[in-house]
């Protein structure tokens, strides 16, 4: 608490910063905020963007995106990171995954 008031969490501060950016952008373009939000959604839909879309994930964050590693094997969806090394190699050779998880060094926590 700061001055008797609870400080917003990091997520709350980020959300407010984004909100202010949307308000500012809407004012700059001379449109209503709701119009800007609707156009933003149209763009996301047209580009098929989602929160965990592998195509829109930064290369440095691919290892942390669970959707990158979900593959169907014999009709069953699996996390390829937990599959045998041979299966990971086949998936990599087919271009289904960006690298072979079993051959990457462990990253410190």
C-alpha atoms as a PDB file:
ATOM      1  CA  UNK A   1       0.000   0.000   0.000  1.00  0.00           C
ATOM      2  CA  UNK A   2       1.146   3.490  -0.802  1.00  0.00           C
ATOM      3  CA  UNK A   3      -0.376   6.399   1.109  1.00  0.00           C
ATOM      4  CA  UNK A   4      -3.261   4.224   2.299  1.00  0.00           C
ATOM      5  CA  UNK A   5      -3.995   3.123  -1.258  1.00  0.00           C
ATOM      6  CA  UNK A   6      -3.224  -0.241  -2.708  1.00  0.00           C
ATOM      7  CA  UNK A   7      -0.688  -0.134  -5.550  1.00  0.00           C
ATOM      8  CA  UNK A   8      -1.928  -1.744  -8.745  1.00  0.00           C
ATOM      9  CA  UNK A   9      -0.275  -4.957  -9.786  1.00  0.00           C
ATOM     10  CA  UNK A  10       2.131  -5.008 -12.715  1.00  0.00           C
ATOM     11  CA  UNK A  11      -0.631  -6.348 -14.920  1.00  0.00           C
ATOM     12  CA  UNK A  12      -2.935  -3.474 -13.896  1.00  0.00           C
ATOM     13  CA  UNK A  13      -0.292  -0.858 -14.692  1.00  0.00           C
ATOM     14  CA  UNK A  14       0.349  -2.414 -18.102  1.00  0.00           C
ATOM     15  CA  UNK A  15      -3.373  -2.532 -18.879  1.00  0.00           C
ATOM     16  CA  UNK A  16      -3.721   1.162 -17.990  1.00  0.00           C
ATOM     17  CA  UNK A  17      -0.714   2.059 -20.142  1.00  0.00           C
ATOM     18  CA  UNK A  18      -2.212   0.180 -23.104  1.00  0.00           C
ATOM     19  CA  UNK A  19      -5.577   1.802 -22.491  1.00  0.00           C
ATOM     20  CA  UNK A  20      -3.994   5.266 -22.501  1.00  0.00           C
ATOM     21  CA  UNK A  21      -2.237   4.389 -25.767  1.00  0.00           C
ATOM     22  CA  UNK A  22      -5.545   3.378 -27.362  1.00  0.00           C
ATOM     23  CA  UNK A  23      -7.218   6.574 -26.179  1.00  0.00           C
ATOM     24  CA  UNK A  24      -4.347   8.671 -27.504  1.00  0.00           C
ATOM     25  CA  UNK A  25      -4.307   6.874 -30.867  1.00  0.00           C
ATOM     26  CA  UNK A  26      -8.068   7.317 -31.230  1.00  0.00           C
ATOM     27  CA  UNK A  27      -7.774  11.049 -30.534  1.00  0.00           C
ATOM     28  CA  UNK A  28      -4.873  11.358 -32.992  1.00  0.00           C
ATOM     29  CA  UNK A  29      -6.909   9.786 -35.788  1.00  0.00           C
ATOM     30  CA  UNK A  30     -10.041  11.698 -34.844  1.00  0.00           C
ATOM     31  CA  UNK A  31     -12.153   8.586 -34.308  1.00  0.00           C
ATOM     32  CA  UNK A  32     -14.157   7.204 -31.436  1.00  0.00           C
ATOM     33  CA  UNK A  33     -12.307   4.752 -29.206  1.00  0.00           C
ATOM     34  CA  UNK A  34     -14.860   2.031 -29.998  1.00  0.00           C
ATOM     35  CA  UNK A  35     -14.198   2.491 -33.729  1.00  0.00           C
ATOM     36  CA  UNK A  36     -10.474   2.058 -33.119  1.00  0.00           C
ATOM     37  CA  UNK A  37     -11.105  -1.107 -31.102  1.00  0.00           C
ATOM     38  CA  UNK A  38     -13.362  -2.525 -33.819  1.00  0.00           C
ATOM     39  CA  UNK A  39     -10.794  -1.806 -36.536  1.00  0.00           C
ATOM     40  CA  UNK A  40      -8.104  -3.363 -34.369  1.00  0.00           C
ATOM     41  CA  UNK A  41     -10.203  -6.521 -34.069  1.00  0.00           C
ATOM     42  CA  UNK A  42     -10.790  -6.572 -37.838  1.00  0.00           C
ATOM     43  CA  UNK A  43      -7.018  -6.438 -38.388  1.00  0.00           C
ATOM     44  CA  UNK A  44      -6.363  -9.205 -35.849  1.00  0.00           C
ATOM     45  CA  UNK A  45      -9.043 -11.368 -37.488  1.00  0.00           C
ATOM     46  CA  UNK A  46      -7.717 -10.723 -41.012  1.00  0.00           C
ATOM     47  CA  UNK A  47      -4.175 -11.628 -39.946  1.00  0.00           C
ATOM     48  CA  UNK A  48      -5.450 -14.562 -37.867  1.00  0.00           C
ATOM     49  CA  UNK A  49      -3.691 -13.250 -34.775  1.00  0.00           C
ATOM     50  CA  UNK A  50      -4.394 -14.723 -31.366  1.00  0.00           C
ATOM     51  CA  UNK A  51      -2.780 -14.428 -27.933  1.00  0.00           C
ATOM     52  CA  UNK A  52      -0.667 -17.574 -28.413  1.00  0.00           C
ATOM     53  CA  UNK A  53      -0.451 -17.658 -32.213  1.00  0.00           C
ATOM     54  CA  UNK A  54       2.936 -19.212 -33.087  1.00  0.00           C
ATOM     55  CA  UNK A  55       3.135 -17.182 -36.306  1.00  0.00           C
ATOM     56  CA  UNK A  56       3.079 -13.955 -34.282  1.00  0.00           C
ATOM     57  CA  UNK A  57       5.366 -15.041 -31.446  1.00  0.00           C
ATOM     58  CA  UNK A  58       8.758 -13.384 -31.110  1.00  0.00           C
ATOM     59  CA  UNK A  59      11.572 -15.842 -31.912  1.00  0.00           C
ATOM     60  CA  UNK A  60      13.012 -15.298 -28.438  1.00  0.00           C
ATOM     61  CA  UNK A  61       9.669 -16.410 -26.902  1.00  0.00           C
ATOM     62  CA  UNK A  62       8.944 -19.497 -29.066  1.00  0.00           C
ATOM     63  CA  UNK A  63      10.225 -21.933 -26.447  1.00  0.00           C
ATOM     64  CA  UNK A  64       7.715 -20.534 -23.929  1.00  0.00           C
ATOM     65  CA  UNK A  65       4.665 -20.644 -26.222  1.00  0.00           C
ATOM     66  CA  UNK A  66       2.770 -23.912 -25.614  1.00  0.00           C
ATOM     67  CA  UNK A  67       0.935 -23.694 -28.953  1.00  0.00           C
ATOM     68  CA  UNK A  68       4.227 -24.048 -30.853  1.00  0.00           C
ATOM     69  CA  UNK A  69       4.668 -27.530 -29.417  1.00  0.00           C
ATOM     70  CA  UNK A  70       1.150 -28.960 -29.778  1.00  0.00           C
ATOM     71  CA  UNK A  71       1.043 -31.495 -32.634  1.00  0.00           C
ATOM     72  CA  UNK A  72      -1.339 -34.233 -33.654  1.00  0.00           C
ATOM     73  CA  UNK A  73       0.180 -37.696 -33.670  1.00  0.00           C
ATOM     74  CA  UNK A  74      -2.141 -40.521 -34.773  1.00  0.00           C
ATOM     75  CA  UNK A  75      -5.136 -38.255 -34.103  1.00  0.00           C
ATOM     76  CA  UNK A  76      -4.003 -37.402 -30.571  1.00  0.00           C
ATOM     77  CA  UNK A  77      -2.750 -33.898 -29.691  1.00  0.00           C
ATOM     78  CA  UNK A  78       0.521 -34.056 -27.759  1.00  0.00           C
ATOM     79  CA  UNK A  79       3.152 -31.651 -26.490  1.00  0.00           C
ATOM     80  CA  UNK A  80       6.092 -32.668 -28.683  1.00  0.00           C
ATOM     81  CA  UNK A  81       8.548 -31.512 -25.994  1.00  0.00           C
ATOM     82  CA  UNK A  82       7.595 -34.629 -24.003  1.00  0.00           C
ATOM     83  CA  UNK A  83       7.832 -36.988 -26.981  1.00  0.00           C
ATOM     84  CA  UNK A  84      10.807 -39.253 -27.746  1.00  0.00           C
ATOM     85  CA  UNK A  85      13.801 -37.623 -29.433  1.00  0.00           C
ATOM     86  CA  UNK A  86      13.189 -39.497 -32.697  1.00  0.00           C
ATOM     87  CA  UNK A  87       9.679 -38.043 -32.957  1.00  0.00           C
ATOM     88  CA  UNK A  88      11.010 -34.546 -32.228  1.00  0.00           C
ATOM     89  CA  UNK A  89      13.576 -34.948 -35.018  1.00  0.00           C
ATOM     90  CA  UNK A  90      10.884 -36.023 -37.502  1.00  0.00           C
ATOM     91  CA  UNK A  91       8.714 -33.035 -36.533  1.00  0.00           C
ATOM     92  CA  UNK A  92      11.696 -30.697 -36.981  1.00  0.00           C
ATOM     93  CA  UNK A  93      12.614 -32.187 -40.377  1.00  0.00           C
ATOM     94  CA  UNK A  94       9.015 -31.683 -41.538  1.00  0.00           C
ATOM     95  CA  UNK A  95       9.170 -28.035 -40.410  1.00  0.00           C
ATOM     96  CA  UNK A  96       6.497 -28.494 -37.733  1.00  0.00           C
ATOM     97  CA  UNK A  97       8.634 -27.156 -34.864  1.00  0.00           C
ATOM     98  CA  UNK A  98      11.340 -24.440 -34.841  1.00  0.00           C
ATOM     99  CA  UNK A  99      14.013 -26.555 -33.102  1.00  0.00           C
ATOM    100  CA  UNK A 100      14.479 -29.886 -31.344  1.00  0.00           C
ATOM    101  CA  UNK A 101      13.642 -29.299 -27.665  1.00  0.00           C
ATOM    102  CA  UNK A 102      15.562 -32.346 -26.387  1.00  0.00           C
ATOM    103  CA  UNK A 103      18.773 -31.044 -27.944  1.00  0.00           C
ATOM    104  CA  UNK A 104      18.550 -27.580 -26.347  1.00  0.00           C
ATOM    105  CA  UNK A 105      20.514 -26.783 -23.190  1.00  0.00           C
ATOM    106  CA  UNK A 106      18.443 -26.437 -20.032  1.00  0.00           C
ATOM    107  CA  UNK A 107      17.773 -22.791 -19.298  1.00  0.00           C
ATOM    108  CA  UNK A 108      18.372 -21.598 -15.740  1.00  0.00           C
ATOM    109  CA  UNK A 109      15.304 -20.514 -13.791  1.00  0.00           C
END
